[in-house]
Amino acid sequence: MAATVCAELPPYVYQELQEKSPEALNIRVESVKLDKHEEPNFTRVSISAQAKVESVTRSASGLKPGDTIRINYSQVSYKRPVAGPSEPDILEKGERYPAFLSGTDGIYSPAARGYSFRIAR
């Protein structure tokens, strides 16, 4: 039986994901809803945030400053450490973030894994 091994990605991979993301924005989070689900080996938090677009570096969907978007995603926290790519941060109401997203029709999701809401260096 073969085992699958996952490891944290090197910084350049996150930089490439950010460069290729369809949406590169700066946002201000207006509201956040968290839905937590406990499982035997992990906790999954479903996040639904509403954010105002403050500035646009690029937007495949035509977003403009002042637009309001919804960002839906989940974060998994394992009860015992597991190697793997980093998870996106949980957004906080009132905070400003760079955002690397994909999506359309006002509903978006992270496009750069754990570096979807921070700059990869």
PDB file of N, CA and C in Angstrom:
ATOM      1  N   MET A   1       0.838  -1.169   0.000  1.00  0.00           N
ATOM      2  CA  MET A   1       0.000   0.000   0.000  1.00  0.00           C
ATOM      3  C   MET A   1       0.889   1.240   0.000  1.00  0.00           C
ATOM      4  N   ALA A   2       0.653   2.150  -0.914  1.00  0.00           N
ATOM      5  CA  ALA A   2       1.443   3.378  -1.006  1.00  0.00           C
ATOM      6  C   ALA A   2       0.807   4.470  -0.162  1.00  0.00           C
ATOM      7  N   ALA A   3       1.639   5.279   0.453  1.00  0.00           N
ATOM      8  CA  ALA A   3       1.157   6.404   1.265  1.00  0.00           C
ATOM      9  C   ALA A   3       1.409   7.702   0.510  1.00  0.00           C
ATOM     10  N   THR A   4       0.490   8.640   0.663  1.00  0.00           N
ATOM     11  CA  THR A   4       0.649   9.957   0.066  1.00  0.00           C
ATOM     12  C   THR A   4       1.262  10.879   1.100  1.00  0.00           C
ATOM     13  N   VAL A   5       2.303  11.597   0.714  1.00  0.00           N
ATOM     14  CA  VAL A   5       2.963  12.518   1.624  1.00  0.00           C
ATOM     15  C   VAL A   5       2.793  13.925   1.068  1.00  0.00           C
ATOM     16  N   CYS A   6       2.331  14.835   1.911  1.00  0.00           N
ATOM     17  CA  CYS A   6       2.180  16.239   1.527  1.00  0.00           C
ATOM     18  C   CYS A   6       3.119  17.059   2.392  1.00  0.00           C
ATOM     19  N   ALA A   7       3.635  18.118   1.821  1.00  0.00           N
ATOM     20  CA  ALA A   7       4.524  18.992   2.575  1.00  0.00           C
ATOM     21  C   ALA A   7       4.181  20.437   2.278  1.00  0.00           C
ATOM     22  N   GLU A   8       4.646  21.340   3.154  1.00  0.00           N
ATOM     23  CA  GLU A   8       4.460  22.763   2.916  1.00  0.00           C
ATOM     24  C   GLU A   8       5.105  23.123   1.585  1.00  0.00           C
ATOM     25  N   LEU A   9       4.479  24.015   0.872  1.00  0.00           N
ATOM     26  CA  LEU A   9       4.999  24.449  -0.423  1.00  0.00           C
ATOM     27  C   LEU A   9       6.083  25.504  -0.225  1.00  0.00           C
ATOM     28  N   PRO A  10       7.083  25.561  -1.115  1.00  0.00           N
ATOM     29  CA  PRO A  10       8.107  26.603  -1.000  1.00  0.00           C
ATOM     30  C   PRO A  10       7.506  27.975  -1.353  1.00  0.00           C
ATOM     31  N   PRO A  11       8.082  29.062  -0.843  1.00  0.00           N
ATOM     32  CA  PRO A  11       7.533  30.405  -1.071  1.00  0.00           C
ATOM     33  C   PRO A  11       7.298  30.748  -2.539  1.00  0.00           C
ATOM     34  N   TYR A  12       8.171  30.305  -3.439  1.00  0.00           N
ATOM     35  CA  TYR A  12       7.995  30.670  -4.842  1.00  0.00           C
ATOM     36  C   TYR A  12       6.694  30.101  -5.425  1.00  0.00           C
ATOM     37  N   VAL A  13       6.217  28.971  -4.903  1.00  0.00           N
ATOM     38  CA  VAL A  13       4.964  28.391  -5.394  1.00  0.00           C
ATOM     39  C   VAL A  13       3.798  29.321  -5.043  1.00  0.00           C
ATOM     40  N   TYR A  14       3.798  29.846  -3.817  1.00  0.00           N
ATOM     41  CA  TYR A  14       2.743  30.781  -3.423  1.00  0.00           C
ATOM     42  C   TYR A  14       2.816  32.067  -4.251  1.00  0.00           C
ATOM     43  N   GLN A  15       4.037  32.533  -4.548  1.00  0.00           N
ATOM     44  CA  GLN A  15       4.191  33.714  -5.398  1.00  0.00           C
ATOM     45  C   GLN A  15       3.596  33.455  -6.782  1.00  0.00           C
ATOM     46  N   GLU A  16       3.856  32.275  -7.344  1.00  0.00           N
ATOM     47  CA  GLU A  16       3.298  31.926  -8.657  1.00  0.00           C
ATOM     48  C   GLU A  16       1.775  31.854  -8.605  1.00  0.00           C
ATOM     49  N   LEU A  17       1.220  31.273  -7.534  1.00  0.00           N
ATOM     50  CA  LEU A  17      -0.239  31.213  -7.391  1.00  0.00           C
ATOM     51  C   LEU A  17      -0.822  32.625  -7.333  1.00  0.00           C
ATOM     52  N   GLN A  18      -0.161  33.521  -6.617  1.00  0.00           N
ATOM     53  CA  GLN A  18      -0.634  34.903  -6.544  1.00  0.00           C
ATOM     54  C   GLN A  18      -0.563  35.582  -7.912  1.00  0.00           C
ATOM     55  N   GLU A  19       0.538  35.381  -8.629  1.00  0.00           N
ATOM     56  CA  GLU A  19       0.697  35.991  -9.950  1.00  0.00           C
ATOM     57  C   GLU A  19      -0.332  35.473 -10.946  1.00  0.00           C
ATOM     58  N   LYS A  20      -0.777  34.218 -10.784  1.00  0.00           N
ATOM     59  CA  LYS A  20      -1.730  33.618 -11.711  1.00  0.00           C
ATOM     60  C   LYS A  20      -3.186  33.766 -11.268  1.00  0.00           C
ATOM     61  N   SER A  21      -3.413  34.301 -10.079  1.00  0.00           N
ATOM     62  CA  SER A  21      -4.797  34.406  -9.594  1.00  0.00           C
ATOM     63  C   SER A  21      -5.578  35.379 -10.467  1.00  0.00           C
ATOM     64  N   PRO A  22      -6.809  35.037 -10.814  1.00  0.00           N
ATOM     65  CA  PRO A  22      -7.616  35.910 -11.674  1.00  0.00           C
ATOM     66  C   PRO A  22      -7.928  37.260 -11.038  1.00  0.00           C
ATOM     67  N   GLU A  23      -8.012  37.288  -9.702  1.00  0.00           N
ATOM     68  CA  GLU A  23      -8.340  38.516  -8.984  1.00  0.00           C
ATOM     69  C   GLU A  23      -7.205  38.848  -8.020  1.00  0.00           C
ATOM     70  N   ALA A  24      -6.648  40.043  -8.145  1.00  0.00           N
ATOM     71  CA  ALA A  24      -5.644  40.549  -7.202  1.00  0.00           C
ATOM     72  C   ALA A  24      -6.169  41.890  -6.701  1.00  0.00           C
ATOM     73  N   LEU A  25      -6.597  41.903  -5.440  1.00  0.00           N
ATOM     74  CA  LEU A  25      -7.331  43.037  -4.895  1.00  0.00           C
ATOM     75  C   LEU A  25      -6.790  43.428  -3.528  1.00  0.00           C
ATOM     76  N   ASN A  26      -7.244  44.573  -3.051  1.00  0.00           N
ATOM     77  CA  ASN A  26      -7.133  44.927  -1.646  1.00  0.00           C
ATOM     78  C   ASN A  26      -8.556  45.091  -1.162  1.00  0.00           C
ATOM     79  N   ILE A  27      -8.866  44.438  -0.031  1.00  0.00           N
ATOM     80  CA  ILE A  27     -10.233  44.424   0.466  1.00  0.00           C
ATOM     81  C   ILE A  27     -10.299  44.884   1.919  1.00  0.00           C
ATOM     82  N   ARG A  28     -11.496  45.306   2.330  1.00  0.00           N
ATOM     83  CA  ARG A  28     -11.807  45.573   3.739  1.00  0.00           C
ATOM     84  C   ARG A  28     -12.982  44.674   4.091  1.00  0.00           C
ATOM     85  N   VAL A  29     -12.821  43.851   5.111  1.00  0.00           N
ATOM     86  CA  VAL A  29     -13.843  42.877   5.487  1.00  0.00           C
ATOM     87  C   VAL A  29     -14.947  43.574   6.275  1.00  0.00           C
ATOM     88  N   GLU A  30     -16.188  43.413   5.804  1.00  0.00           N
ATOM     89  CA  GLU A  30     -17.349  44.041   6.453  1.00  0.00           C
ATOM     90  C   GLU A  30     -18.070  43.106   7.410  1.00  0.00           C
ATOM     91  N   SER A  31     -18.081  41.808   7.114  1.00  0.00           N
ATOM     92  CA  SER A  31     -18.710  40.835   8.006  1.00  0.00           C
ATOM     93  C   SER A  31     -18.111  39.461   7.760  1.00  0.00           C
ATOM     94  N   VAL A  32     -18.167  38.633   8.806  1.00  0.00           N
ATOM     95  CA  VAL A  32     -17.637  37.269   8.723  1.00  0.00           C
ATOM     96  C   VAL A  32     -18.590  36.344   9.465  1.00  0.00           C
ATOM     97  N   LYS A  33     -18.932  35.231   8.825  1.00  0.00           N
ATOM     98  CA  LYS A  33     -19.737  34.191   9.470  1.00  0.00           C
ATOM     99  C   LYS A  33     -18.900  32.918   9.486  1.00  0.00           C
ATOM    100  N   LEU A  34     -18.773  32.314  10.675  1.00  0.00           N
ATOM    101  CA  LEU A  34     -18.014  31.080  10.836  1.00  0.00           C
ATOM    102  C   LEU A  34     -18.962  29.958  11.217  1.00  0.00           C
ATOM    103  N   ASP A  35     -18.755  28.794  10.618  1.00  0.00           N
ATOM    104  CA  ASP A  35     -19.535  27.602  10.943  1.00  0.00           C
ATOM    105  C   ASP A  35     -18.539  26.486  11.221  1.00  0.00           C
ATOM    106  N   LYS A  36     -18.446  26.068  12.485  1.00  0.00           N
ATOM    107  CA  LYS A  36     -17.430  25.112  12.927  1.00  0.00           C
ATOM    108  C   LYS A  36     -18.010  23.701  13.010  1.00  0.00           C
ATOM    109  N   HIS A  37     -17.280  22.735  12.442  1.00  0.00           N
ATOM    110  CA  HIS A  37     -17.681  21.321  12.479  1.00  0.00           C
ATOM    111  C   HIS A  37     -16.536  20.495  13.061  1.00  0.00           C
ATOM    112  N   GLU A  38     -16.799  19.842  14.182  1.00  0.00           N
ATOM    113  CA  GLU A  38     -15.799  18.971  14.813  1.00  0.00           C
ATOM    114  C   GLU A  38     -15.892  17.574  14.220  1.00  0.00           C
ATOM    115  N   GLU A  39     -14.761  17.033  13.834  1.00  0.00           N
ATOM    116  CA  GLU A  39     -14.651  15.663  13.349  1.00  0.00           C
ATOM    117  C   GLU A  39     -13.669  14.939  14.265  1.00  0.00           C
ATOM    118  N   PRO A  40     -13.601  13.607  14.180  1.00  0.00           N
ATOM    119  CA  PRO A  40     -12.687  12.885  15.076  1.00  0.00           C
ATOM    120  C   PRO A  40     -11.229  13.329  14.974  1.00  0.00           C
ATOM    121  N   ASN A  41     -10.731  13.613  13.764  1.00  0.00           N
ATOM    122  CA  ASN A  41      -9.320  13.934  13.583  1.00  0.00           C
ATOM    123  C   ASN A  41      -9.040  15.396  13.244  1.00  0.00           C
ATOM    124  N   PHE A  42     -10.081  16.178  13.004  1.00  0.00           N
ATOM    125  CA  PHE A  42      -9.858  17.564  12.620  1.00  0.00           C
ATOM    126  C   PHE A  42     -11.098  18.412  12.899  1.00  0.00           C
ATOM    127  N   THR A  43     -10.896  19.728  12.813  1.00  0.00           N
ATOM    128  CA  THR A  43     -11.984  20.692  12.913  1.00  0.00           C
ATOM    129  C   THR A  43     -12.026  21.458  11.599  1.00  0.00           C
ATOM    130  N   ARG A  44     -13.208  21.531  11.001  1.00  0.00           N
ATOM    131  CA  ARG A  44     -13.374  22.300   9.763  1.00  0.00           C
ATOM    132  C   ARG A  44     -14.201  23.541  10.091  1.00  0.00           C
ATOM    133  N   VAL A  45     -13.650  24.703   9.698  1.00  0.00           N
ATOM    134  CA  VAL A  45     -14.367  25.959   9.858  1.00  0.00           C
ATOM    135  C   VAL A  45     -14.732  26.457   8.461  1.00  0.00           C
ATOM    136  N   SER A  46     -16.029  26.592   8.209  1.00  0.00           N
ATOM    137  CA  SER A  46     -16.500  27.184   6.953  1.00  0.00           C
ATOM    138  C   SER A  46     -16.618  28.685   7.177  1.00  0.00           C
ATOM    139  N   ILE A  47     -16.027  29.453   6.274  1.00  0.00           N
ATOM    140  CA  ILE A  47     -15.975  30.904   6.405  1.00  0.00           C
ATOM    141  C   ILE A  47     -16.746  31.525   5.252  1.00  0.00           C
ATOM    142  N   SER A  48     -17.604  32.469   5.583  1.00  0.00           N
ATOM    143  CA  SER A  48     -18.312  33.255   4.576  1.00  0.00           C
ATOM    144  C   SER A  48     -18.146  34.713   4.983  1.00  0.00           C
ATOM    145  N   ALA A  49     -17.439  35.471   4.168  1.00  0.00           N
ATOM    146  CA  ALA A  49     -17.155  36.869   4.484  1.00  0.00           C
ATOM    147  C   ALA A  49     -17.704  37.776   3.394  1.00  0.00           C
ATOM    148  N   GLN A  50     -18.128  38.954   3.814  1.00  0.00           N
ATOM    149  CA  GLN A  50     -18.502  40.002   2.862  1.00  0.00           C
ATOM    150  C   GLN A  50     -17.424  41.069   2.958  1.00  0.00           C
ATOM    151  N   ALA A  51     -16.925  41.518   1.802  1.00  0.00           N
ATOM    152  CA  ALA A  51     -15.838  42.495   1.794  1.00  0.00           C
ATOM    153  C   ALA A  51     -16.083  43.560   0.738  1.00  0.00           C
ATOM    154  N   LYS A  52     -15.542  44.736   0.996  1.00  0.00           N
ATOM    155  CA  LYS A  52     -15.593  45.850   0.051  1.00  0.00           C
ATOM    156  C   LYS A  52     -14.245  45.902  -0.664  1.00  0.00           C
ATOM    157  N   VAL A  53     -14.266  45.991  -1.979  1.00  0.00           N
ATOM    158  CA  VAL A  53     -13.045  46.108  -2.767  1.00  0.00           C
ATOM    159  C   VAL A  53     -12.532  47.538  -2.620  1.00  0.00           C
ATOM    160  N   GLU A  54     -11.298  47.683  -2.131  1.00  0.00           N
ATOM    161  CA  GLU A  54     -10.712  49.016  -1.966  1.00  0.00           C
ATOM    162  C   GLU A  54      -9.846  49.406  -3.152  1.00  0.00           C
ATOM    163  N   SER A  55      -9.109  48.442  -3.708  1.00  0.00           N
ATOM    164  CA  SER A  55      -8.313  48.717  -4.912  1.00  0.00           C
ATOM    165  C   SER A  55      -8.149  47.422  -5.700  1.00  0.00           C
ATOM    166  N   VAL A  56      -7.854  47.577  -6.985  1.00  0.00           N
ATOM    167  CA  VAL A  56      -7.760  46.438  -7.899  1.00  0.00           C
ATOM    168  C   VAL A  56      -6.425  46.492  -8.635  1.00  0.00           C
ATOM    169  N   THR A  57      -5.650  45.421  -8.538  1.00  0.00           N
ATOM    170  CA  THR A  57      -4.443  45.270  -9.350  1.00  0.00           C
ATOM    171  C   THR A  57      -4.814  44.615 -10.673  1.00  0.00           C
ATOM    172  N   ARG A  58      -5.641  43.553 -10.600  1.00  0.00           N
ATOM    173  CA  ARG A  58      -6.205  42.927 -11.799  1.00  0.00           C
ATOM    174  C   ARG A  58      -7.503  42.236 -11.402  1.00  0.00           C
ATOM    175  N   SER A  59      -8.405  42.162 -12.384  1.00  0.00           N
ATOM    176  CA  SER A  59      -9.679  41.506 -12.122  1.00  0.00           C
ATOM    177  C   SER A  59     -10.231  40.907 -13.398  1.00  0.00           C
ATOM    178  N   ALA A  60     -10.218  39.588 -13.474  1.00  0.00           N
ATOM    179  CA  ALA A  60     -10.772  38.886 -14.634  1.00  0.00           C
ATOM    180  C   ALA A  60     -12.288  39.035 -14.690  1.00  0.00           C
ATOM    181  N   SER A  61     -12.913  39.279 -13.546  1.00  0.00           N
ATOM    182  CA  SER A  61     -14.378  39.392 -13.513  1.00  0.00           C
ATOM    183  C   SER A  61     -14.856  40.843 -13.565  1.00  0.00           C
ATOM    184  N   GLY A  62     -13.929  41.787 -13.697  1.00  0.00           N
ATOM    185  CA  GLY A  62     -14.309  43.186 -13.857  1.00  0.00           C
ATOM    186  C   GLY A  62     -14.618  43.931 -12.569  1.00  0.00           C
ATOM    187  N   LEU A  63     -14.079  43.475 -11.448  1.00  0.00           N
ATOM    188  CA  LEU A  63     -14.317  44.177 -10.189  1.00  0.00           C
ATOM    189  C   LEU A  63     -13.697  45.567 -10.201  1.00  0.00           C
ATOM    190  N   LYS A  64     -14.343  46.465  -9.457  1.00  0.00           N
ATOM    191  CA  LYS A  64     -13.884  47.854  -9.345  1.00  0.00           C
ATOM    192  C   LYS A  64     -13.896  48.251  -7.870  1.00  0.00           C
ATOM    193  N   PRO A  65     -13.086  49.263  -7.490  1.00  0.00           N
ATOM    194  CA  PRO A  65     -13.154  49.752  -6.112  1.00  0.00           C
ATOM    195  C   PRO A  65     -14.593  50.154  -5.769  1.00  0.00           C
ATOM    196  N   GLY A  66     -14.993  49.783  -4.562  1.00  0.00           N
ATOM    197  CA  GLY A  66     -16.350  50.061  -4.110  1.00  0.00           C
ATOM    198  C   GLY A  66     -17.292  48.880  -4.254  1.00  0.00           C
ATOM    199  N   ASP A  67     -16.932  47.899  -5.089  1.00  0.00           N
ATOM    200  CA  ASP A  67     -17.775  46.704  -5.238  1.00  0.00           C
ATOM    201  C   ASP A  67     -17.756  45.890  -3.938  1.00  0.00           C
ATOM    202  N   THR A  68     -18.859  45.217  -3.670  1.00  0.00           N
ATOM    203  CA  THR A  68     -18.963  44.318  -2.531  1.00  0.00           C
ATOM    204  C   THR A  68     -18.946  42.881  -3.045  1.00  0.00           C
ATOM    205  N   ILE A  69     -18.138  42.048  -2.401  1.00  0.00           N
ATOM    206  CA  ILE A  69     -18.016  40.647  -2.810  1.00  0.00           C
ATOM    207  C   ILE A  69     -18.231  39.725  -1.613  1.00  0.00           C
ATOM    208  N   ARG A  70     -18.545  38.469  -1.901  1.00  0.00           N
ATOM    209  CA  ARG A  70     -18.643  37.431  -0.892  1.00  0.00           C
ATOM    210  C   ARG A  70     -17.465  36.489  -1.125  1.00  0.00           C
ATOM    211  N   ILE A  71     -16.815  36.087  -0.036  1.00  0.00           N
ATOM    212  CA  ILE A  71     -15.692  35.153  -0.104  1.00  0.00           C
ATOM    213  C   ILE A  71     -16.064  33.929   0.736  1.00  0.00           C
ATOM    214  N   ASN A  72     -16.136  32.767   0.100  1.00  0.00           N
ATOM    215  CA  ASN A  72     -16.493  31.514   0.773  1.00  0.00           C
ATOM    216  C   ASN A  72     -15.327  30.533   0.677  1.00  0.00           C
ATOM    217  N   TYR A  73     -14.973  29.938   1.810  1.00  0.00           N
ATOM    218  CA  TYR A  73     -13.910  28.930   1.840  1.00  0.00           C
ATOM    219  C   TYR A  73     -13.950  28.210   3.174  1.00  0.00           C
ATOM    220  N   SER A  74     -13.078  27.231   3.339  1.00  0.00           N
ATOM    221  CA  SER A  74     -12.997  26.535   4.615  1.00  0.00           C
ATOM    222  C   SER A  74     -11.542  26.403   5.037  1.00  0.00           C
ATOM    223  N   GLN A  75     -11.371  26.202   6.341  1.00  0.00           N
ATOM    224  CA  GLN A  75     -10.049  25.999   6.920  1.00  0.00           C
ATOM    225  C   GLN A  75     -10.123  24.727   7.760  1.00  0.00           C
ATOM    226  N   VAL A  76      -9.135  23.862   7.612  1.00  0.00           N
ATOM    227  CA  VAL A  76      -9.095  22.606   8.362  1.00  0.00           C
ATOM    228  C   VAL A  76      -7.928  22.655   9.341  1.00  0.00           C
ATOM    229  N   SER A  77      -8.215  22.368  10.616  1.00  0.00           N
ATOM    230  CA  SER A  77      -7.182  22.280  11.656  1.00  0.00           C
ATOM    231  C   SER A  77      -7.167  20.841  12.161  1.00  0.00           C
ATOM    232  N   TYR A  78      -6.050  20.178  11.953  1.00  0.00           N
ATOM    233  CA  TYR A  78      -5.922  18.790  12.392  1.00  0.00           C
ATOM    234  C   TYR A  78      -5.556  18.733  13.868  1.00  0.00           C
ATOM    235  N   LYS A  79      -6.087  17.753  14.568  1.00  0.00           N
ATOM    236  CA  LYS A  79      -5.837  17.630  15.999  1.00  0.00           C
ATOM    237  C   LYS A  79      -4.412  17.160  16.273  1.00  0.00           C
ATOM    238  N   ARG A  80      -3.846  16.418  15.325  1.00  0.00           N
ATOM    239  CA  ARG A  80      -2.428  16.060  15.380  1.00  0.00           C
ATOM    240  C   ARG A  80      -1.786  16.685  14.159  1.00  0.00           C
ATOM    241  N   PRO A  81      -0.591  17.254  14.298  1.00  0.00           N
ATOM    242  CA  PRO A  81       0.046  17.945  13.170  1.00  0.00           C
ATOM    243  C   PRO A  81       0.112  17.077  11.910  1.00  0.00           C
ATOM    244  N   VAL A  82      -0.210  17.682  10.793  1.00  0.00           N
ATOM    245  CA  VAL A  82      -0.162  17.027   9.491  1.00  0.00           C
ATOM    246  C   VAL A  82       0.603  17.940   8.547  1.00  0.00           C
ATOM    247  N   ALA A  83       1.578  17.380   7.847  1.00  0.00           N
ATOM    248  CA  ALA A  83       2.328  18.175   6.876  1.00  0.00           C
ATOM    249  C   ALA A  83       1.453  18.442   5.662  1.00  0.00           C
ATOM    250  N   GLY A  84       1.559  19.636   5.123  1.00  0.00           N
ATOM    251  CA  GLY A  84       0.798  19.969   3.925  1.00  0.00           C
ATOM    252  C   GLY A  84       0.821  21.462   3.666  1.00  0.00           C
ATOM    253  N   PRO A  85       0.263  21.871   2.528  1.00  0.00           N
ATOM    254  CA  PRO A  85       0.226  23.292   2.191  1.00  0.00           C
ATOM    255  C   PRO A  85      -0.542  24.071   3.261  1.00  0.00           C
ATOM    256  N   SER A  86      -0.163  25.316   3.451  1.00  0.00           N
ATOM    257  CA  SER A  86      -0.830  26.138   4.456  1.00  0.00           C
ATOM    258  C   SER A  86      -2.264  26.452   4.049  1.00  0.00           C
ATOM    259  N   GLU A  87      -3.089  26.687   5.055  1.00  0.00           N
ATOM    260  CA  GLU A  87      -4.508  27.008   4.869  1.00  0.00           C
ATOM    261  C   GLU A  87      -4.685  28.529   4.837  1.00  0.00           C
ATOM    262  N   PRO A  88      -5.703  29.020   4.127  1.00  0.00           N
ATOM    263  CA  PRO A  88      -5.974  30.461   4.155  1.00  0.00           C
ATOM    264  C   PRO A  88      -6.331  30.910   5.574  1.00  0.00           C
ATOM    265  N   ASP A  89      -5.918  32.129   5.915  1.00  0.00           N
ATOM    266  CA  ASP A  89      -6.250  32.705   7.212  1.00  0.00           C
ATOM    267  C   ASP A  89      -7.756  32.914   7.324  1.00  0.00           C
ATOM    268  N   ILE A  90      -8.248  32.939   8.558  1.00  0.00           N
ATOM    269  CA  ILE A  90      -9.646  33.308   8.793  1.00  0.00           C
ATOM    270  C   ILE A  90      -9.712  34.826   8.812  1.00  0.00           C
ATOM    271  N   LEU A  91     -10.497  35.389   7.924  1.00  0.00           N
ATOM    272  CA  LEU A  91     -10.622  36.841   7.822  1.00  0.00           C
ATOM    273  C   LEU A  91     -11.307  37.406   9.059  1.00  0.00           C
ATOM    274  N   GLU A  92     -10.950  38.640   9.419  1.00  0.00           N
ATOM    275  CA  GLU A  92     -11.524  39.300  10.576  1.00  0.00           C
ATOM    276  C   GLU A  92     -12.252  40.568  10.160  1.00  0.00           C
ATOM    277  N   LYS A  93     -13.426  40.765  10.721  1.00  0.00           N
ATOM    278  CA  LYS A  93     -14.248  41.938  10.427  1.00  0.00           C
ATOM    279  C   LYS A  93     -13.467  43.218  10.726  1.00  0.00           C
ATOM    280  N   GLY A  94     -13.559  44.174   9.792  1.00  0.00           N
ATOM    281  CA  GLY A  94     -12.918  45.463   9.959  1.00  0.00           C
ATOM    282  C   GLY A  94     -11.476  45.522   9.494  1.00  0.00           C
ATOM    283  N   GLU A  95     -10.873  44.379   9.212  1.00  0.00           N
ATOM    284  CA  GLU A  95      -9.470  44.339   8.786  1.00  0.00           C
ATOM    285  C   GLU A  95      -9.342  44.475   7.270  1.00  0.00           C
ATOM    286  N   ARG A  96      -8.176  44.930   6.840  1.00  0.00           N
ATOM    287  CA  ARG A  96      -7.848  45.072   5.416  1.00  0.00           C
ATOM    288  C   ARG A  96      -6.830  43.997   5.042  1.00  0.00           C
ATOM    289  N   TYR A  97      -6.999  43.454   3.833  1.00  0.00           N
ATOM    290  CA  TYR A  97      -6.129  42.377   3.356  1.00  0.00           C
ATOM    291  C   TYR A  97      -5.853  42.531   1.867  1.00  0.00           C
ATOM    292  N   PRO A  98      -4.659  42.084   1.416  1.00  0.00           N
ATOM    293  CA  PRO A  98      -4.522  41.801  -0.008  1.00  0.00           C
ATOM    294  C   PRO A  98      -5.330  40.531  -0.245  1.00  0.00           C
ATOM    295  N   ALA A  99      -5.923  40.380  -1.414  1.00  0.00           N
ATOM    296  CA  ALA A  99      -6.746  39.187  -1.668  1.00  0.00           C
ATOM    297  C   ALA A  99      -6.461  38.653  -3.058  1.00  0.00           C
ATOM    298  N   PHE A 100      -6.077  37.395  -3.129  1.00  0.00           N
ATOM    299  CA  PHE A 100      -5.814  36.692  -4.380  1.00  0.00           C
ATOM    300  C   PHE A 100      -6.897  35.630  -4.507  1.00  0.00           C
ATOM    301  N   LEU A 101      -7.852  35.883  -5.402  1.00  0.00           N
ATOM    302  CA  LEU A 101      -9.085  35.109  -5.457  1.00  0.00           C
ATOM    303  C   LEU A 101      -9.392  34.609  -6.851  1.00  0.00           C
ATOM    304  N   SER A 102     -10.357  33.693  -6.913  1.00  0.00           N
ATOM    305  CA  SER A 102     -10.960  33.286  -8.186  1.00  0.00           C
ATOM    306  C   SER A 102     -12.462  33.231  -7.955  1.00  0.00           C
ATOM    307  N   GLY A 103     -13.234  33.415  -9.018  1.00  0.00           N
ATOM    308  CA  GLY A 103     -14.679  33.346  -8.903  1.00  0.00           C
ATOM    309  C   GLY A 103     -15.361  34.332  -9.831  1.00  0.00           C
ATOM    310  N   THR A 104     -16.674  34.346  -9.758  1.00  0.00           N
ATOM    311  CA  THR A 104     -17.481  35.238 -10.580  1.00  0.00           C
ATOM    312  C   THR A 104     -18.783  35.547  -9.869  1.00  0.00           C
ATOM    313  N   ASP A 105     -19.536  36.459 -10.448  1.00  0.00           N
ATOM    314  CA  ASP A 105     -20.873  36.800  -9.960  1.00  0.00           C
ATOM    315  C   ASP A 105     -20.888  37.196  -8.485  1.00  0.00           C
ATOM    316  N   GLY A 106     -19.818  37.854  -8.035  1.00  0.00           N
ATOM    317  CA  GLY A 106     -19.784  38.348  -6.668  1.00  0.00           C
ATOM    318  C   GLY A 106     -19.420  37.322  -5.620  1.00  0.00           C
ATOM    319  N   ILE A 107     -19.170  36.062  -6.018  1.00  0.00           N
ATOM    320  CA  ILE A 107     -18.801  35.011  -5.063  1.00  0.00           C
ATOM    321  C   ILE A 107     -17.409  34.489  -5.432  1.00  0.00           C
ATOM    322  N   TYR A 108     -16.495  34.573  -4.470  1.00  0.00           N
ATOM    323  CA  TYR A 108     -15.089  34.266  -4.734  1.00  0.00           C
ATOM    324  C   TYR A 108     -14.549  33.288  -3.700  1.00  0.00           C
ATOM    325  N   SER A 109     -13.393  32.693  -4.028  1.00  0.00           N
ATOM    326  CA  SER A 109     -12.709  31.788  -3.114  1.00  0.00           C
ATOM    327  C   SER A 109     -11.203  32.021  -3.240  1.00  0.00           C
ATOM    328  N   PRO A 110     -10.432  31.601  -2.224  1.00  0.00           N
ATOM    329  CA  PRO A 110      -8.985  31.792  -2.258  1.00  0.00           C
ATOM    330  C   PRO A 110      -8.343  31.096  -3.455  1.00  0.00           C
ATOM    331  N   ALA A 111      -7.366  31.780  -4.067  1.00  0.00           N
ATOM    332  CA  ALA A 111      -6.680  31.228  -5.240  1.00  0.00           C
ATOM    333  C   ALA A 111      -5.212  30.919  -4.969  1.00  0.00           C
ATOM    334  N   ALA A 112      -4.713  31.300  -3.790  1.00  0.00           N
ATOM    335  CA  ALA A 112      -3.288  31.103  -3.504  1.00  0.00           C
ATOM    336  C   ALA A 112      -3.085  30.390  -2.164  1.00  0.00           C
ATOM    337  N   ARG A 113      -3.992  29.454  -1.874  1.00  0.00           N
ATOM    338  CA  ARG A 113      -3.913  28.646  -0.651  1.00  0.00           C
ATOM    339  C   ARG A 113      -3.696  29.520   0.578  1.00  0.00           C
ATOM    340  N   GLY A 114      -2.683  29.204   1.404  1.00  0.00           N
ATOM    341  CA  GLY A 114      -2.432  29.943   2.641  1.00  0.00           C
ATOM    342  C   GLY A 114      -1.942  31.357   2.447  1.00  0.00           C
ATOM    343  N   TYR A 115      -1.643  31.733   1.222  1.00  0.00           N
ATOM    344  CA  TYR A 115      -1.193  33.092   0.937  1.00  0.00           C
ATOM    345  C   TYR A 115      -2.218  33.851   0.108  1.00  0.00           C
ATOM    346  N   SER A 116      -3.477  33.504   0.255  1.00  0.00           N
ATOM    347  CA  SER A 116      -4.539  34.198  -0.455  1.00  0.00           C
ATOM    348  C   SER A 116      -4.842  35.553   0.161  1.00  0.00           C
ATOM    349  N   PHE A 117      -4.497  35.748   1.451  1.00  0.00           N
ATOM    350  CA  PHE A 117      -4.793  36.998   2.142  1.00  0.00           C
ATOM    351  C   PHE A 117      -3.551  37.615   2.772  1.00  0.00           C
ATOM    352  N   ARG A 118      -2.393  37.311   2.198  1.00  0.00           N
ATOM    353  CA  ARG A 118      -1.141  37.928   2.601  1.00  0.00           C
ATOM    354  C   ARG A 118      -0.160  37.796   1.446  1.00  0.00           C
ATOM    355  N   ILE A 119       0.850  38.633   1.443  1.00  0.00           N
ATOM    356  CA  ILE A 119       1.814  38.658   0.337  1.00  0.00           C
ATOM    357  C   ILE A 119       2.888  37.588   0.567  1.00  0.00           C
ATOM    358  N   ALA A 120       3.136  36.782  -0.448  1.00  0.00           N
ATOM    359  CA  ALA A 120       4.211  35.782  -0.397  1.00  0.00           C
ATOM    360  C   ALA A 120       5.531  36.479  -0.693  1.00  0.00           C
ATOM    361  N   ARG A 121       6.516  36.175   0.105  1.00  0.00           N
ATOM    362  CA  ARG A 121       7.849  36.790  -0.092  1.00  0.00           C
ATOM    363  C   ARG A 121       8.909  35.716  -0.181  1.00  0.00           C
TER     364      ARG A 121
END
